[in-house]
C-alpha atoms as a PDB file:
ATOM      1  CA  UNK A   1      54.870 119.405  22.690  1.00  0.00           C
ATOM      2  CA  UNK A   2      53.705 122.669  24.164  1.00  0.00           C
ATOM      3  CA  UNK A   3      55.467 125.860  23.200  1.00  0.00           C
ATOM      4  CA  UNK A   4      58.642 125.650  25.331  1.00  0.00           C
ATOM      5  CA  UNK A   5      58.486 129.404  25.915  1.00  0.00           C
ATOM      6  CA  UNK A   6      55.110 129.319  27.674  1.00  0.00           C
ATOM      7  CA  UNK A   7      56.949 129.206  31.005  1.00  0.00           C
ATOM      8  CA  UNK A   8      59.095 132.208  30.114  1.00  0.00           C
ATOM      9  CA  UNK A   9      58.021 134.326  33.075  1.00  0.00           C
ATOM     10  CA  UNK A  10      57.073 137.996  33.012  1.00  0.00           C
ATOM     11  CA  UNK A  11      60.176 140.164  33.287  1.00  0.00           C
ATOM     12  CA  UNK A  12      59.594 143.077  35.675  1.00  0.00           C
ATOM     13  CA  UNK A  13      61.265 146.362  34.822  1.00  0.00           C
ATOM     14  CA  UNK A  14      63.583 148.158  37.222  1.00  0.00           C
ATOM     15  CA  UNK A  15      60.832 150.107  38.974  1.00  0.00           C
ATOM     16  CA  UNK A  16      58.720 146.993  39.485  1.00  0.00           C
ATOM     17  CA  UNK A  17      61.666 145.005  40.836  1.00  0.00           C
ATOM     18  CA  UNK A  18      62.709 147.724  43.251  1.00  0.00           C
ATOM     19  CA  UNK A  19      59.179 148.510  44.427  1.00  0.00           C
ATOM     20  CA  UNK A  20      58.416 144.857  45.162  1.00  0.00           C
ATOM     21  CA  UNK A  21      61.745 144.133  46.826  1.00  0.00           C
ATOM     22  CA  UNK A  22      61.975 147.267  48.955  1.00  0.00           C
ATOM     23  CA  UNK A  23      58.347 146.995  50.017  1.00  0.00           C
ATOM     24  CA  UNK A  24      58.871 143.410  51.078  1.00  0.00           C
ATOM     25  CA  UNK A  25      62.144 144.314  52.801  1.00  0.00           C
ATOM     26  CA  UNK A  26      60.667 147.185  54.784  1.00  0.00           C
ATOM     27  CA  UNK A  27      57.761 145.013  55.944  1.00  0.00           C
ATOM     28  CA  UNK A  28      60.063 142.282  57.210  1.00  0.00           C
ATOM     29  CA  UNK A  29      60.909 142.102  60.863  1.00  0.00           C
ATOM     30  CA  UNK A  30      63.797 140.439  62.652  1.00  0.00           C
ATOM     31  CA  UNK A  31      63.195 138.265  65.674  1.00  0.00           C
ATOM     32  CA  UNK A  32      64.862 140.114  68.529  1.00  0.00           C
ATOM     33  CA  UNK A  33      64.223 139.883  72.239  1.00  0.00           C
ATOM     34  CA  UNK A  34      62.314 142.820  73.676  1.00  0.00           C
ATOM     35  CA  UNK A  35      65.032 143.142  76.279  1.00  0.00           C
ATOM     36  CA  UNK A  36      67.796 143.465  73.676  1.00  0.00           C
ATOM     37  CA  UNK A  37      69.676 146.777  73.501  1.00  0.00           C
ATOM     38  CA  UNK A  38      68.391 149.335  70.998  1.00  0.00           C
ATOM     39  CA  UNK A  39      71.617 149.101  68.988  1.00  0.00           C
ATOM     40  CA  UNK A  40      71.240 145.311  68.590  1.00  0.00           C
ATOM     41  CA  UNK A  41      67.604 145.762  67.546  1.00  0.00           C
ATOM     42  CA  UNK A  42      68.623 148.325  64.921  1.00  0.00           C
ATOM     43  CA  UNK A  43      71.335 146.045  63.522  1.00  0.00           C
ATOM     44  CA  UNK A  44      68.993 143.057  63.319  1.00  0.00           C
ATOM     45  CA  UNK A  45      66.131 145.063  61.811  1.00  0.00           C
ATOM     46  CA  UNK A  46      68.160 146.679  59.038  1.00  0.00           C
ATOM     47  CA  UNK A  47      70.109 143.475  58.325  1.00  0.00           C
ATOM     48  CA  UNK A  48      66.823 141.670  57.770  1.00  0.00           C
ATOM     49  CA  UNK A  49      65.503 144.439  55.514  1.00  0.00           C
ATOM     50  CA  UNK A  50      68.632 144.386  53.354  1.00  0.00           C
ATOM     51  CA  UNK A  51      68.695 140.593  53.193  1.00  0.00           C
ATOM     52  CA  UNK A  52      65.004 140.245  52.239  1.00  0.00           C
ATOM     53  CA  UNK A  53      65.120 143.009  49.596  1.00  0.00           C
ATOM     54  CA  UNK A  54      68.291 141.850  47.853  1.00  0.00           C
ATOM     55  CA  UNK A  55      67.383 138.166  47.948  1.00  0.00           C
ATOM     56  CA  UNK A  56      63.934 139.005  46.535  1.00  0.00           C
ATOM     57  CA  UNK A  57      65.556 140.714  43.542  1.00  0.00           C
ATOM     58  CA  UNK A  58      68.028 137.866  43.015  1.00  0.00           C
ATOM     59  CA  UNK A  59      65.251 135.282  43.233  1.00  0.00           C
ATOM     60  CA  UNK A  60      63.066 137.083  40.683  1.00  0.00           C
ATOM     61  CA  UNK A  61      65.910 137.540  38.202  1.00  0.00           C
ATOM     62  CA  UNK A  62      67.023 133.918  38.582  1.00  0.00           C
ATOM     63  CA  UNK A  63      63.456 132.757  38.039  1.00  0.00           C
ATOM     64  CA  UNK A  64      63.344 134.629  34.723  1.00  0.00           C
ATOM     65  CA  UNK A  65      66.761 133.358  33.583  1.00  0.00           C
ATOM     66  CA  UNK A  66      65.900 129.739  34.405  1.00  0.00           C
ATOM     67  CA  UNK A  67      62.527 130.001  32.637  1.00  0.00           C
ATOM     68  CA  UNK A  68      64.189 130.668  29.262  1.00  0.00           C
ATOM     69  CA  UNK A  69      64.883 127.314  27.558  1.00  0.00           C
ATOM     70  CA  UNK A  70      68.211 126.612  25.882  1.00  0.00           C
ATOM     71  CA  UNK A  71      67.276 127.373  22.273  1.00  0.00           C
ATOM     72  CA  UNK A  72      70.001 125.190  20.783  1.00  0.00           C
ATOM     73  CA  UNK A  73      68.498 122.199  22.621  1.00  0.00           C
ATOM     74  CA  UNK A  74      64.939 122.697  21.333  1.00  0.00           C
ATOM     75  CA  UNK A  75      63.294 120.607  18.580  1.00  0.00           C
ATOM     76  CA  UNK A  76      64.099 121.858  15.083  1.00  0.00           C
ATOM     77  CA  UNK A  77      60.771 123.634  14.523  1.00  0.00           C
ATOM     78  CA  UNK A  78      60.917 125.687  17.726  1.00  0.00           C
ATOM     79  CA  UNK A  79      64.638 126.363  17.379  1.00  0.00           C
ATOM     80  CA  UNK A  80      64.256 127.735  13.843  1.00  0.00           C
ATOM     81  CA  UNK A  81      61.170 129.771  14.668  1.00  0.00           C
ATOM     82  CA  UNK A  82      62.809 131.272  17.747  1.00  0.00           C
ATOM     83  CA  UNK A  83      65.853 132.183  15.656  1.00  0.00           C
ATOM     84  CA  UNK A  84      63.585 133.922  13.133  1.00  0.00           C
ATOM     85  CA  UNK A  85      61.597 135.852  15.701  1.00  0.00           C
ATOM     86  CA  UNK A  86      64.409 137.061  17.963  1.00  0.00           C
ATOM     87  CA  UNK A  87      68.155 137.563  17.823  1.00  0.00           C
ATOM     88  CA  UNK A  88      69.291 134.476  19.734  1.00  0.00           C
ATOM     89  CA  UNK A  89      72.782 135.841  20.351  1.00  0.00           C
ATOM     90  CA  UNK A  90      71.346 139.057  21.755  1.00  0.00           C
ATOM     91  CA  UNK A  91      68.968 137.065  23.961  1.00  0.00           C
ATOM     92  CA  UNK A  92      71.876 135.038  25.313  1.00  0.00           C
ATOM     93  CA  UNK A  93      73.903 138.216  25.911  1.00  0.00           C
ATOM     94  CA  UNK A  94      71.012 139.901  27.734  1.00  0.00           C
ATOM     95  CA  UNK A  95      70.539 136.918  30.031  1.00  0.00           C
ATOM     96  CA  UNK A  96      74.284 136.925  30.680  1.00  0.00           C
ATOM     97  CA  UNK A  97      74.227 140.589  31.686  1.00  0.00           C
ATOM     98  CA  UNK A  98      71.401 140.002  34.143  1.00  0.00           C
ATOM     99  CA  UNK A  99      73.116 136.959  35.579  1.00  0.00           C
ATOM    100  CA  UNK A 100      76.279 139.041  35.939  1.00  0.00           C
ATOM    101  CA  UNK A 101      74.719 141.473  38.427  1.00  0.00           C
ATOM    102  CA  UNK A 102      73.647 138.751  40.865  1.00  0.00           C
ATOM    103  CA  UNK A 103      77.063 138.310  42.529  1.00  0.00           C
ATOM    104  CA  UNK A 104      77.347 142.112  42.757  1.00  0.00           C
ATOM    105  CA  UNK A 105      74.049 142.263  44.636  1.00  0.00           C
ATOM    106  CA  UNK A 106      75.200 139.500  46.958  1.00  0.00           C
ATOM    107  CA  UNK A 107      78.417 141.422  47.578  1.00  0.00           C
ATOM    108  CA  UNK A 108      76.416 144.520  48.558  1.00  0.00           C
ATOM    109  CA  UNK A 109      74.516 142.379  51.038  1.00  0.00           C
ATOM    110  CA  UNK A 110      77.712 141.015  52.613  1.00  0.00           C
ATOM    111  CA  UNK A 111      79.397 144.432  52.777  1.00  0.00           C
ATOM    112  CA  UNK A 112      76.321 145.940  54.402  1.00  0.00           C
ATOM    113  CA  UNK A 113      76.332 143.254  57.075  1.00  0.00           C
ATOM    114  CA  UNK A 114      79.992 143.990  57.855  1.00  0.00           C
ATOM    115  CA  UNK A 115      79.247 147.695  58.092  1.00  0.00           C
ATOM    116  CA  UNK A 116      76.301 147.078  60.409  1.00  0.00           C
ATOM    117  CA  UNK A 117      78.486 145.059  62.756  1.00  0.00           C
ATOM    118  CA  UNK A 118      80.725 148.090  63.240  1.00  0.00           C
ATOM    119  CA  UNK A 119      78.082 150.749  63.980  1.00  0.00           C
ATOM    120  CA  UNK A 120      77.898 152.472  67.344  1.00  0.00           C
ATOM    121  CA  UNK A 121      74.505 154.211  67.122  1.00  0.00           C
ATOM    122  CA  UNK A 122      71.058 153.060  65.878  1.00  0.00           C
ATOM    123  CA  UNK A 123      70.908 155.903  63.344  1.00  0.00           C
ATOM    124  CA  UNK A 124      73.904 154.482  61.511  1.00  0.00           C
ATOM    125  CA  UNK A 125      71.939 151.265  60.828  1.00  0.00           C
ATOM    126  CA  UNK A 126      69.270 153.209  58.941  1.00  0.00           C
ATOM    127  CA  UNK A 127      71.965 155.046  56.977  1.00  0.00           C
ATOM    128  CA  UNK A 128      73.659 151.810  55.931  1.00  0.00           C
ATOM    129  CA  UNK A 129      70.373 150.282  54.807  1.00  0.00           C
ATOM    130  CA  UNK A 130      69.580 153.373  52.744  1.00  0.00           C
ATOM    131  CA  UNK A 131      73.033 153.267  51.191  1.00  0.00           C
ATOM    132  CA  UNK A 132      72.597 149.582  50.310  1.00  0.00           C
ATOM    133  CA  UNK A 133      69.218 150.252  48.719  1.00  0.00           C
ATOM    134  CA  UNK A 134      70.762 153.151  46.793  1.00  0.00           C
ATOM    135  CA  UNK A 135      73.559 150.968  45.394  1.00  0.00           C
ATOM    136  CA  UNK A 136      71.061 148.262  44.427  1.00  0.00           C
ATOM    137  CA  UNK A 137      68.856 150.853  42.716  1.00  0.00           C
ATOM    138  CA  UNK A 138      71.787 152.226  40.745  1.00  0.00           C
ATOM    139  CA  UNK A 139      72.758 148.761  39.481  1.00  0.00           C
ATOM    140  CA  UNK A 140      69.214 147.860  38.438  1.00  0.00           C
ATOM    141  CA  UNK A 141      68.571 151.173  36.678  1.00  0.00           C
ATOM    142  CA  UNK A 142      71.474 150.384  34.381  1.00  0.00           C
ATOM    143  CA  UNK A 143      69.743 147.077  33.547  1.00  0.00           C
ATOM    144  CA  UNK A 144      66.314 148.524  32.801  1.00  0.00           C
ATOM    145  CA  UNK A 145      66.871 148.499  29.034  1.00  0.00           C
ATOM    146  CA  UNK A 146      67.855 144.831  29.199  1.00  0.00           C
ATOM    147  CA  UNK A 147      64.867 143.967  31.380  1.00  0.00           C
ATOM    148  CA  UNK A 148      62.398 145.657  29.033  1.00  0.00           C
ATOM    149  CA  UNK A 149      64.050 144.112  25.976  1.00  0.00           C
ATOM    150  CA  UNK A 150      63.844 140.668  27.560  1.00  0.00           C
ATOM    151  CA  UNK A 151      60.157 141.099  28.340  1.00  0.00           C
ATOM    152  CA  UNK A 152      59.510 142.167  24.738  1.00  0.00           C
ATOM    153  CA  UNK A 153      61.306 139.040  23.510  1.00  0.00           C
ATOM    154  CA  UNK A 154      59.228 136.985  25.925  1.00  0.00           C
ATOM    155  CA  UNK A 155      55.993 138.261  24.404  1.00  0.00           C
ATOM    156  CA  UNK A 156      57.074 137.268  20.905  1.00  0.00           C
ATOM    157  CA  UNK A 157      58.328 133.793  21.814  1.00  0.00           C
ATOM    158  CA  UNK A 158      55.231 132.911  23.822  1.00  0.00           C
ATOM    159  CA  UNK A 159      53.125 133.447  20.684  1.00  0.00           C
ATOM    160  CA  UNK A 160      54.698 130.513  18.867  1.00  0.00           C
ATOM    161  CA  UNK A 161      52.003 127.817  18.562  1.00  0.00           C
ATOM    162  CA  UNK A 162      52.142 124.590  20.509  1.00  0.00           C
ATOM    163  CA  UNK A 163      52.505 121.642  18.151  1.00  0.00           C
ATOM    164  CA  UNK A 164      52.254 117.945  18.901  1.00  0.00           C
ATOM    165  CA  UNK A 165      55.103 116.097  17.213  1.00  0.00           C
ATOM    166  CA  UNK A 166      53.265 112.820  17.750  1.00  0.00           C
ATOM    167  CA  UNK A 167      50.234 114.092  15.821  1.00  0.00           C
ATOM    168  CA  UNK A 168      50.084 114.333  11.989  1.00  0.00           C
ATOM    169  CA  UNK A 169      50.188 117.877  10.615  1.00  0.00           C
ATOM    170  CA  UNK A 170      48.315 118.814   7.446  1.00  0.00           C
ATOM    171  CA  UNK A 171      49.071 122.206   5.862  1.00  0.00           C
ATOM    172  CA  UNK A 172      46.552 124.058   3.670  1.00  0.00           C
ATOM    173  CA  UNK A 173      48.229 126.266   1.045  1.00  0.00           C
ATOM    174  CA  UNK A 174      46.925 128.529  -1.710  1.00  0.00           C
ATOM    175  CA  UNK A 175      46.122 132.138  -2.478  1.00  0.00           C
ATOM    176  CA  UNK A 176      43.915 134.260  -0.190  1.00  0.00           C
ATOM    177  CA  UNK A 177      40.141 133.856  -0.512  1.00  0.00           C
ATOM    178  CA  UNK A 178      40.288 130.370  -2.025  1.00  0.00           C
ATOM    179  CA  UNK A 179      38.729 128.839   1.121  1.00  0.00           C
ATOM    180  CA  UNK A 180      41.713 127.573   3.135  1.00  0.00           C
ATOM    181  CA  UNK A 181      40.529 128.909   6.485  1.00  0.00           C
ATOM    182  CA  UNK A 182      36.977 127.697   5.882  1.00  0.00           C
ATOM    183  CA  UNK A 183      38.316 124.224   5.140  1.00  0.00           C
ATOM    184  CA  UNK A 184      40.346 124.206   8.353  1.00  0.00           C
ATOM    185  CA  UNK A 185      37.404 125.417  10.411  1.00  0.00           C
ATOM    186  CA  UNK A 186      34.752 123.213   8.809  1.00  0.00           C
ATOM    187  CA  UNK A 187      36.615 120.011   8.048  1.00  0.00           C
ATOM    188  CA  UNK A 188      35.088 118.419  11.152  1.00  0.00           C
ATOM    189  CA  UNK A 189      31.532 117.233  10.615  1.00  0.00           C
ATOM    190  CA  UNK A 190      30.724 117.745  14.303  1.00  0.00           C
ATOM    191  CA  UNK A 191      32.112 121.348  14.203  1.00  0.00           C
ATOM    192  CA  UNK A 192      34.104 120.756  17.390  1.00  0.00           C
ATOM    193  CA  UNK A 193      37.418 121.985  16.061  1.00  0.00           C
ATOM    194  CA  UNK A 194      39.721 123.902  18.370  1.00  0.00           C
ATOM    195  CA  UNK A 195      40.922 126.765  16.153  1.00  0.00           C
ATOM    196  CA  UNK A 196      43.402 129.349  17.404  1.00  0.00           C
ATOM    197  CA  UNK A 197      45.295 132.165  15.721  1.00  0.00           C
ATOM    198  CA  UNK A 198      48.981 132.762  16.410  1.00  0.00           C
ATOM    199  CA  UNK A 199      51.160 135.630  15.206  1.00  0.00           C
ATOM    200  CA  UNK A 200      53.901 134.129  13.045  1.00  0.00           C
ATOM    201  CA  UNK A 201      56.650 136.660  12.396  1.00  0.00           C
ATOM    202  CA  UNK A 202      54.394 139.333  10.838  1.00  0.00           C
ATOM    203  CA  UNK A 203      51.772 136.774   9.823  1.00  0.00           C
ATOM    204  CA  UNK A 204      49.552 134.174  11.460  1.00  0.00           C
ATOM    205  CA  UNK A 205      49.164 130.462  11.801  1.00  0.00           C
ATOM    206  CA  UNK A 206      45.680 129.047  12.192  1.00  0.00           C
ATOM    207  CA  UNK A 207      45.640 125.563  13.666  1.00  0.00           C
ATOM    208  CA  UNK A 208      42.616 123.317  13.912  1.00  0.00           C
ATOM    209  CA  UNK A 209      42.430 119.880  15.486  1.00  0.00           C
ATOM    210  CA  UNK A 210      40.409 117.259  13.663  1.00  0.00           C
ATOM    211  CA  UNK A 211      39.216 114.398  15.837  1.00  0.00           C
ATOM    212  CA  UNK A 212      37.956 111.445  13.817  1.00  0.00           C
ATOM    213  CA  UNK A 213      35.999 109.080  16.025  1.00  0.00           C
ATOM    214  CA  UNK A 214      36.362 105.392  15.227  1.00  0.00           C
ATOM    215  CA  UNK A 215      34.928 102.328  16.898  1.00  0.00           C
ATOM    216  CA  UNK A 216      37.623 101.894  19.519  1.00  0.00           C
ATOM    217  CA  UNK A 217      39.738 105.059  19.384  1.00  0.00           C
ATOM    218  CA  UNK A 218      40.117 108.551  17.909  1.00  0.00           C
ATOM    219  CA  UNK A 219      42.454 109.780  15.198  1.00  0.00           C
ATOM    220  CA  UNK A 220      43.760 113.259  15.978  1.00  0.00           C
ATOM    221  CA  UNK A 221      45.145 115.405  13.158  1.00  0.00           C
ATOM    222  CA  UNK A 222      46.512 118.954  13.207  1.00  0.00           C
ATOM    223  CA  UNK A 223      45.227 121.102  10.333  1.00  0.00           C
ATOM    224  CA  UNK A 224      47.129 124.328   9.650  1.00  0.00           C
ATOM    225  CA  UNK A 225      46.292 127.344   7.546  1.00  0.00           C
ATOM    226  CA  UNK A 226      49.191 129.714   6.883  1.00  0.00           C
ATOM    227  CA  UNK A 227      47.960 133.166   5.815  1.00  0.00           C
ATOM    228  CA  UNK A 228      50.742 135.354   4.510  1.00  0.00           C
ATOM    229  CA  UNK A 229      53.237 132.493   4.327  1.00  0.00           C
ATOM    230  CA  UNK A 230      52.053 130.153   1.587  1.00  0.00           C
ATOM    231  CA  UNK A 231      49.741 132.482  -0.305  1.00  0.00           C
ATOM    232  CA  UNK A 232      52.078 134.472  -2.563  1.00  0.00           C
ATOM    233  CA  UNK A 233      55.064 133.910  -4.866  1.00  0.00           C
ATOM    234  CA  UNK A 234      58.562 133.480  -3.451  1.00  0.00           C
ATOM    235  CA  UNK A 235      59.695 136.600  -5.288  1.00  0.00           C
ATOM    236  CA  UNK A 236      57.361 138.691  -3.108  1.00  0.00           C
ATOM    237  CA  UNK A 237      58.442 137.155   0.199  1.00  0.00           C
ATOM    238  CA  UNK A 238      61.132 138.652   2.389  1.00  0.00           C
ATOM    239  CA  UNK A 239      63.978 136.619   3.809  1.00  0.00           C
ATOM    240  CA  UNK A 240      62.227 135.924   7.109  1.00  0.00           C
ATOM    241  CA  UNK A 241      59.118 134.591   5.354  1.00  0.00           C
ATOM    242  CA  UNK A 242      61.242 132.400   3.113  1.00  0.00           C
ATOM    243  CA  UNK A 243      62.970 130.924   6.156  1.00  0.00           C
ATOM    244  CA  UNK A 244      59.627 130.490   7.886  1.00  0.00           C
ATOM    245  CA  UNK A 245      58.624 128.198   5.050  1.00  0.00           C
ATOM    246  CA  UNK A 246      61.635 126.050   5.825  1.00  0.00           C
ATOM    247  CA  UNK A 247      60.506 125.896   9.449  1.00  0.00           C
ATOM    248  CA  UNK A 248      57.054 124.702   8.353  1.00  0.00           C
ATOM    249  CA  UNK A 249      58.671 121.907   6.378  1.00  0.00           C
ATOM    250  CA  UNK A 250      59.926 120.457   9.639  1.00  0.00           C
ATOM    251  CA  UNK A 251      56.454 119.694  10.996  1.00  0.00           C
ATOM    252  CA  UNK A 252      54.395 119.071   7.826  1.00  0.00           C
ATOM    253  CA  UNK A 253      53.830 115.680   6.243  1.00  0.00           C
ATOM    254  CA  UNK A 254      50.886 116.500   3.950  1.00  0.00           C
ATOM    255  CA  UNK A 255      49.886 119.607   1.991  1.00  0.00           C
ATOM    256  CA  UNK A 256      46.472 120.312   0.536  1.00  0.00           C
ATOM    257  CA  UNK A 257      46.880 122.987  -2.117  1.00  0.00           C
ATOM    258  CA  UNK A 258      43.541 124.759  -2.519  1.00  0.00           C
ATOM    259  CA  UNK A 259      42.494 126.157  -5.903  1.00  0.00           C
ATOM    260  CA  UNK A 260      39.575 128.412  -6.717  1.00  0.00           C
ATOM    261  CA  UNK A 261      38.641 127.534 -10.338  1.00  0.00           C
ATOM    262  CA  UNK A 262      36.501 130.700 -10.531  1.00  0.00           C
ATOM    263  CA  UNK A 263      37.545 134.379 -10.722  1.00  0.00           C
ATOM    264  CA  UNK A 264      35.943 134.915  -7.276  1.00  0.00           C
ATOM    265  CA  UNK A 265      39.189 134.883  -5.261  1.00  0.00           C
ATOM    266  CA  UNK A 266      40.737 137.607  -7.405  1.00  0.00           C
ATOM    267  CA  UNK A 267      43.679 135.536  -8.694  1.00  0.00           C
ATOM    268  CA  UNK A 268      43.941 133.973 -12.123  1.00  0.00           C
ATOM    269  CA  UNK A 269      44.292 130.218 -12.622  1.00  0.00           C
ATOM    270  CA  UNK A 270      47.756 130.808 -14.073  1.00  0.00           C
ATOM    271  CA  UNK A 271      48.861 132.676 -10.923  1.00  0.00           C
ATOM    272  CA  UNK A 272      47.473 129.929  -8.707  1.00  0.00           C
ATOM    273  CA  UNK A 273      49.288 127.256 -10.730  1.00  0.00           C
ATOM    274  CA  UNK A 274      52.545 129.191 -10.450  1.00  0.00           C
ATOM    275  CA  UNK A 275      52.146 129.350  -6.665  1.00  0.00           C
ATOM    276  CA  UNK A 276      51.279 125.649  -6.592  1.00  0.00           C
ATOM    277  CA  UNK A 277      54.514 124.819  -8.393  1.00  0.00           C
ATOM    278  CA  UNK A 278      56.547 127.020  -6.039  1.00  0.00           C
ATOM    279  CA  UNK A 279      55.054 125.433  -2.926  1.00  0.00           C
ATOM    280  CA  UNK A 280      55.602 121.999  -4.428  1.00  0.00           C
ATOM    281  CA  UNK A 281      59.238 122.807  -5.199  1.00  0.00           C
ATOM    282  CA  UNK A 282      59.877 124.185  -1.691  1.00  0.00           C
ATOM    283  CA  UNK A 283      58.144 121.433   0.256  1.00  0.00           C
ATOM    284  CA  UNK A 284      58.279 118.169  -1.627  1.00  0.00           C
ATOM    285  CA  UNK A 285      61.809 117.997  -2.999  1.00  0.00           C
ATOM    286  CA  UNK A 286      62.943 115.286  -0.591  1.00  0.00           C
ATOM    287  CA  UNK A 287      59.780 113.230  -1.110  1.00  0.00           C
ATOM    288  CA  UNK A 288      58.822 113.246   2.575  1.00  0.00           C
ATOM    289  CA  UNK A 289      55.801 115.532   2.191  1.00  0.00           C
ATOM    290  CA  UNK A 290      52.822 114.544   0.050  1.00  0.00           C
ATOM    291  CA  UNK A 291      50.904 117.229  -1.826  1.00  0.00           C
ATOM    292  CA  UNK A 292      47.288 116.918  -2.973  1.00  0.00           C
ATOM    293  CA  UNK A 293      44.927 119.259  -4.800  1.00  0.00           C
ATOM    294  CA  UNK A 294      41.580 120.610  -3.653  1.00  0.00           C
ATOM    295  CA  UNK A 295      39.324 122.487  -6.052  1.00  0.00           C
ATOM    296  CA  UNK A 296      37.055 124.528  -3.819  1.00  0.00           C
ATOM    297  CA  UNK A 297      33.876 126.556  -4.475  1.00  0.00           C
ATOM    298  CA  UNK A 298      32.277 123.812  -6.549  1.00  0.00           C
ATOM    299  CA  UNK A 299      28.969 125.645  -6.187  1.00  0.00           C
ATOM    300  CA  UNK A 300      30.354 128.590  -8.151  1.00  0.00           C
ATOM    301  CA  UNK A 301      32.676 126.808 -10.590  1.00  0.00           C
ATOM    302  CA  UNK A 302      31.296 125.887 -14.006  1.00  0.00           C
ATOM    303  CA  UNK A 303      32.197 122.534 -15.631  1.00  0.00           C
ATOM    304  CA  UNK A 304      34.293 124.489 -18.142  1.00  0.00           C
ATOM    305  CA  UNK A 305      36.303 126.176 -15.380  1.00  0.00           C
ATOM    306  CA  UNK A 306      36.914 122.863 -13.601  1.00  0.00           C
ATOM    307  CA  UNK A 307      37.922 121.153 -16.841  1.00  0.00           C
ATOM    308  CA  UNK A 308      40.259 124.009 -17.727  1.00  0.00           C
ATOM    309  CA  UNK A 309      42.082 123.634 -14.403  1.00  0.00           C
ATOM    310  CA  UNK A 310      42.202 119.855 -14.807  1.00  0.00           C
ATOM    311  CA  UNK A 311      43.822 120.234 -18.212  1.00  0.00           C
ATOM    312  CA  UNK A 312      46.350 122.774 -16.959  1.00  0.00           C
ATOM    313  CA  UNK A 313      47.380 120.444 -14.126  1.00  0.00           C
ATOM    314  CA  UNK A 314      47.068 117.302 -16.236  1.00  0.00           C
ATOM    315  CA  UNK A 315      44.663 115.734 -13.738  1.00  0.00           C
ATOM    316  CA  UNK A 316      42.364 112.761 -14.146  1.00  0.00           C
ATOM    317  CA  UNK A 317      39.185 112.078 -12.180  1.00  0.00           C
ATOM    318  CA  UNK A 318      40.033 110.870  -8.695  1.00  0.00           C
ATOM    319  CA  UNK A 319      43.308 112.796  -8.567  1.00  0.00           C
ATOM    320  CA  UNK A 320      41.820 115.807  -6.807  1.00  0.00           C
ATOM    321  CA  UNK A 321      39.098 116.766  -4.324  1.00  0.00           C
ATOM    322  CA  UNK A 322      36.169 118.914  -5.403  1.00  0.00           C
ATOM    323  CA  UNK A 323      34.647 120.701  -2.396  1.00  0.00           C
ATOM    324  CA  UNK A 324      32.540 123.535  -1.091  1.00  0.00           C
ATOM    325  CA  UNK A 325      34.044 124.536   2.247  1.00  0.00           C
ATOM    326  CA  UNK A 326      31.180 126.824   3.239  1.00  0.00           C
ATOM    327  CA  UNK A 327      28.412 124.244   2.809  1.00  0.00           C
ATOM    328  CA  UNK A 328      30.528 121.257   3.756  1.00  0.00           C
ATOM    329  CA  UNK A 329      29.900 119.570   0.420  1.00  0.00           C
ATOM    330  CA  UNK A 330      32.381 116.693  -0.112  1.00  0.00           C
ATOM    331  CA  UNK A 331      34.361 117.489   3.033  1.00  0.00           C
ATOM    332  CA  UNK A 332      33.641 113.931   4.120  1.00  0.00           C
ATOM    333  CA  UNK A 333      35.939 112.791   1.296  1.00  0.00           C
ATOM    334  CA  UNK A 334      38.795 114.744   2.866  1.00  0.00           C
ATOM    335  CA  UNK A 335      38.063 113.282   6.276  1.00  0.00           C
ATOM    336  CA  UNK A 336      37.878 109.765   4.859  1.00  0.00           C
ATOM    337  CA  UNK A 337      41.159 110.256   3.052  1.00  0.00           C
ATOM    338  CA  UNK A 338      42.882 111.529   6.205  1.00  0.00           C
ATOM    339  CA  UNK A 339      41.392 108.707   8.257  1.00  0.00           C
ATOM    340  CA  UNK A 340      42.744 106.078   5.873  1.00  0.00           C
ATOM    341  CA  UNK A 341      46.120 107.801   5.438  1.00  0.00           C
ATOM    342  CA  UNK A 342      46.844 108.008   9.152  1.00  0.00           C
ATOM    343  CA  UNK A 343      45.024 104.860  10.235  1.00  0.00           C
ATOM    344  CA  UNK A 344      48.275 103.038  10.949  1.00  0.00           C
ATOM    345  CA  UNK A 345      50.296 106.071  12.073  1.00  0.00           C
ATOM    346  CA  UNK A 346      48.351 107.390  15.062  1.00  0.00           C
END
C-alpha cells in the first residue's frame, strides 16, 4: 500500500490561514437588490464577509484533521514506524486542540450575525466585522505553535516509504562499503530498477523494484538496502534504531547478508561475522524470515580470503552466492534464485 500519510495535507500557519480567509472574505459579495436600503446592504455585505472567512478557516482545519489517518488502525509496519518517528499521543492531542476551536469559531459567526441584526447605522456593520475578525485572529494566534508542530510532523510522516504488502520484500544487510547498495541498484539485468531514498528516523531506506519478466507474466520483488540500520552492532544502536529493526521484521521475508571477504570495506571478517549473527538473531528467531549469504567483490577477493570466510561460517559450495555487484558478475544467480523462490507466491 502507499504511505497512508501521503494525503496528510499541508498545515498552514496562523498568518497563512488568516490571510487566505480574510482575503477571500473581503472579496465576497452578498446578493442584495440595488434598491435595498443602505443599512440592509451593509448588514448583508458584512454578514457574507464574516461567514466566508470563518467557514474558510473551519474548512481548511477540518481538511487537515481528516487527512491524518488513525494510526492505531494502520498496518503494523506503518503503525510502528509512525510511533517511532513522532509522539503519537502528542499528535492526537494537537489534532484535538485544533478540532476544539472549530465550535468557538462557529459561535463567533452566530454572535456576529445577531449583532448585525441589531445595528442602526451602516458604520456599525463594519465595526462588528472587524471585531469578529479580531476575535478569530486572537484564537488562531494561540494555535500557531500547534499548527507549525503539526506541519513538522506531517513532513516526517510523509517520508515513510510506500511498501506493497502483496509484493515480496528482500532486505540486504551488512556493513557499509560491502556492496549492498550496488546490489540493490544493479540486481536487474535490464537496469530498469526504480530506486528511491527515504529518510528513516535519522537514517535512510533505499528500495529498488526488481521486475523479472517471464513468458506470461512478471514477478515483482521489493529489494531494500538499510544504511545505518543493519550495518553496525546492536550495542552501538540507540533505542529508536533498535525498534526500527523490529519494524523491518514486519515486512521482510528474506535477508541477503552481504560480506566483503577482502579488507577493502574497512571492517574485519570477524566484525562482519559478529554483525551477521546479530542480524540473524534479531530477524530469524521465529523462522519466518530466511537468511542467505552473499560474498561480494569476487574480483578483489583471493581464494584464500574466500576459503577463510567459508571456514568461519562453516559453508559448503552452493550455500552462498559469490558476486561482483559493480560488474554484474553472477547477479543472474541471485535473480534466478528469487525467481524460483517466489514463483508460486506472486
